[in-house]
N, C-alpha and C. Protein backbone atom coordinates (compact mmCIF):
# COMPACT_ATOMS: atom_id res chain seq x y z
N UNK A 1 91.47 -38.05 172.11
CA UNK A 1 91.04 -38.02 173.50
C UNK A 1 90.99 -36.57 173.98
N UNK A 2 89.97 -36.25 174.68
CA UNK A 2 89.82 -34.92 175.24
C UNK A 2 90.64 -34.80 176.53
N UNK A 3 91.22 -33.62 176.73
CA UNK A 3 92.00 -33.37 177.95
C UNK A 3 91.11 -33.08 179.15
N UNK A 4 89.84 -32.80 178.91
CA UNK A 4 88.93 -32.48 180.01
C UNK A 4 88.89 -33.60 181.03
N UNK A 5 88.99 -33.25 182.29
CA UNK A 5 88.89 -34.23 183.36
C UNK A 5 90.17 -35.00 183.64
N UNK A 6 91.20 -34.78 182.83
CA UNK A 6 92.47 -35.46 183.05
C UNK A 6 93.50 -34.49 183.63
N UNK A 7 94.46 -35.06 184.31
CA UNK A 7 95.54 -34.29 184.93
C UNK A 7 96.83 -34.51 184.16
N UNK A 8 97.69 -33.49 184.15
CA UNK A 8 98.97 -33.53 183.46
C UNK A 8 100.04 -32.88 184.33
N UNK A 9 101.31 -33.22 184.04
CA UNK A 9 102.41 -32.51 184.68
C UNK A 9 103.14 -31.74 183.60
N UNK A 10 103.17 -30.41 183.71
CA UNK A 10 103.80 -29.54 182.74
C UNK A 10 105.30 -29.46 183.03
N UNK A 11 106.11 -29.87 182.05
CA UNK A 11 107.57 -29.84 182.21
C UNK A 11 108.14 -28.44 182.05
N UNK A 12 107.42 -27.57 181.38
CA UNK A 12 107.88 -26.18 181.21
C UNK A 12 107.74 -25.39 182.50
N UNK A 13 106.58 -25.53 183.13
CA UNK A 13 106.28 -24.76 184.34
C UNK A 13 106.47 -25.55 185.63
N UNK A 14 106.77 -26.87 185.47
CA UNK A 14 107.00 -27.75 186.61
C UNK A 14 105.84 -27.71 187.60
N UNK A 15 104.63 -27.88 187.04
CA UNK A 15 103.43 -27.88 187.88
C UNK A 15 102.36 -28.78 187.26
N UNK A 16 101.39 -29.11 188.07
CA UNK A 16 100.26 -29.94 187.66
C UNK A 16 99.23 -29.05 186.96
N UNK A 17 98.66 -29.58 185.88
CA UNK A 17 97.59 -28.88 185.16
C UNK A 17 96.40 -29.83 185.02
N UNK A 18 95.22 -29.27 185.02
CA UNK A 18 94.01 -30.08 184.77
C UNK A 18 93.38 -29.60 183.47
N UNK A 19 93.05 -30.56 182.61
CA UNK A 19 92.41 -30.24 181.35
C UNK A 19 93.38 -29.60 180.37
N UNK A 20 92.84 -28.86 179.41
CA UNK A 20 93.69 -28.21 178.41
C UNK A 20 94.68 -27.27 179.09
N UNK A 21 95.88 -27.27 178.58
CA UNK A 21 96.92 -26.41 179.16
C UNK A 21 98.03 -26.22 178.16
N UNK A 22 99.24 -26.39 178.60
CA UNK A 22 100.38 -26.24 177.72
C UNK A 22 100.35 -27.32 176.64
N UNK A 23 101.16 -27.14 175.63
CA UNK A 23 101.22 -28.09 174.52
C UNK A 23 101.57 -29.48 175.03
N UNK A 24 101.00 -30.50 174.39
CA UNK A 24 101.23 -31.88 174.82
C UNK A 24 102.71 -32.23 174.86
N UNK A 25 103.51 -31.68 173.95
CA UNK A 25 104.94 -32.00 173.92
C UNK A 25 105.68 -31.49 175.16
N UNK A 26 105.03 -30.62 175.92
CA UNK A 26 105.66 -30.04 177.11
C UNK A 26 105.14 -30.64 178.41
N UNK A 27 104.34 -31.70 178.31
CA UNK A 27 103.77 -32.23 179.53
C UNK A 27 103.65 -33.75 179.49
N UNK A 28 103.55 -34.31 180.68
CA UNK A 28 103.40 -35.75 180.86
C UNK A 28 101.95 -36.03 181.24
N UNK A 29 101.45 -37.14 180.75
CA UNK A 29 100.09 -37.52 181.09
C UNK A 29 99.35 -38.01 179.88
N UNK A 30 98.10 -38.26 180.01
CA UNK A 30 97.19 -37.87 181.08
C UNK A 30 97.22 -38.83 182.27
N UNK A 31 96.84 -38.30 183.41
CA UNK A 31 96.71 -39.07 184.64
C UNK A 31 95.28 -38.93 185.14
N UNK A 32 94.84 -39.93 185.89
CA UNK A 32 93.47 -39.92 186.40
C UNK A 32 93.28 -39.10 187.66
N UNK A 33 94.40 -38.74 188.31
CA UNK A 33 94.27 -37.97 189.55
C UNK A 33 95.36 -36.90 189.62
N UNK A 34 95.10 -35.90 190.44
CA UNK A 34 96.07 -34.83 190.65
C UNK A 34 97.34 -35.39 191.29
N UNK A 35 97.19 -36.31 192.23
CA UNK A 35 98.35 -36.88 192.90
C UNK A 35 99.23 -37.65 191.92
N UNK A 36 98.63 -38.43 191.04
CA UNK A 36 99.41 -39.18 190.05
C UNK A 36 100.19 -38.22 189.16
N UNK A 37 99.57 -37.12 188.76
CA UNK A 37 100.27 -36.12 187.94
C UNK A 37 101.40 -35.47 188.74
N UNK A 38 101.14 -35.18 190.00
CA UNK A 38 102.15 -34.55 190.85
C UNK A 38 103.37 -35.45 191.01
N UNK A 39 103.16 -36.75 190.99
CA UNK A 39 104.24 -37.72 191.17
C UNK A 39 104.84 -38.19 189.84
N UNK A 40 104.48 -37.54 188.74
CA UNK A 40 104.91 -37.99 187.41
C UNK A 40 106.43 -38.14 187.29
N UNK A 41 107.19 -37.17 187.74
CA UNK A 41 108.65 -37.25 187.62
C UNK A 41 109.22 -38.36 188.48
N UNK A 42 108.70 -38.53 189.68
CA UNK A 42 109.16 -39.59 190.56
C UNK A 42 108.84 -40.96 189.96
N UNK A 43 107.63 -41.11 189.45
CA UNK A 43 107.22 -42.37 188.83
C UNK A 43 108.11 -42.69 187.64
N UNK A 44 108.40 -41.70 186.79
CA UNK A 44 109.25 -41.92 185.63
C UNK A 44 110.67 -42.31 186.05
N UNK A 45 111.20 -41.65 187.08
CA UNK A 45 112.54 -41.97 187.58
C UNK A 45 112.59 -43.40 188.11
N UNK A 46 111.59 -43.80 188.87
CA UNK A 46 111.54 -45.17 189.41
C UNK A 46 111.47 -46.20 188.30
N UNK A 47 110.66 -45.93 187.29
CA UNK A 47 110.55 -46.87 186.16
C UNK A 47 111.86 -46.96 185.39
N UNK A 48 112.51 -45.83 185.18
CA UNK A 48 113.80 -45.85 184.48
C UNK A 48 114.83 -46.66 185.25
N UNK A 49 114.86 -46.52 186.57
CA UNK A 49 115.78 -47.29 187.39
C UNK A 49 115.48 -48.79 187.29
N UNK A 50 114.20 -49.15 187.29
CA UNK A 50 113.81 -50.55 187.15
C UNK A 50 114.25 -51.11 185.80
N UNK A 51 114.03 -50.34 184.74
CA UNK A 51 114.42 -50.79 183.40
C UNK A 51 115.94 -50.91 183.28
N UNK A 52 116.67 -49.94 183.85
CA UNK A 52 118.14 -50.01 183.84
C UNK A 52 118.63 -51.25 184.56
N UNK A 53 118.01 -51.59 185.68
CA UNK A 53 118.41 -52.77 186.45
C UNK A 53 118.13 -54.05 185.66
N UNK A 54 117.07 -54.08 184.89
CA UNK A 54 116.74 -55.25 184.08
C UNK A 54 117.74 -55.45 182.94
N UNK A 55 118.32 -54.38 182.45
CA UNK A 55 119.28 -54.46 181.35
C UNK A 55 120.64 -54.93 181.80
N UNK A 56 120.92 -54.82 183.09
CA UNK A 56 122.25 -55.19 183.61
C UNK A 56 122.43 -56.67 183.71
C-alpha cells in the first residue's frame, strides 16, 4: 500500500504526518483523515481500556 494520501501519527516526533515520513515502525496508521491520525493515541488508549474491561 502506498503512503500517499494517508495520514499517520509519528511516535518519535509526536506529530501527524501525511504520506511518506518516518519509518513505519515509528508511527501509527494509516488513517483516512488528519483528525483520526491526531487522535491516534486517544483512540488506542480507549480501545485498550475497553479490552481490559472485557477481560475482567
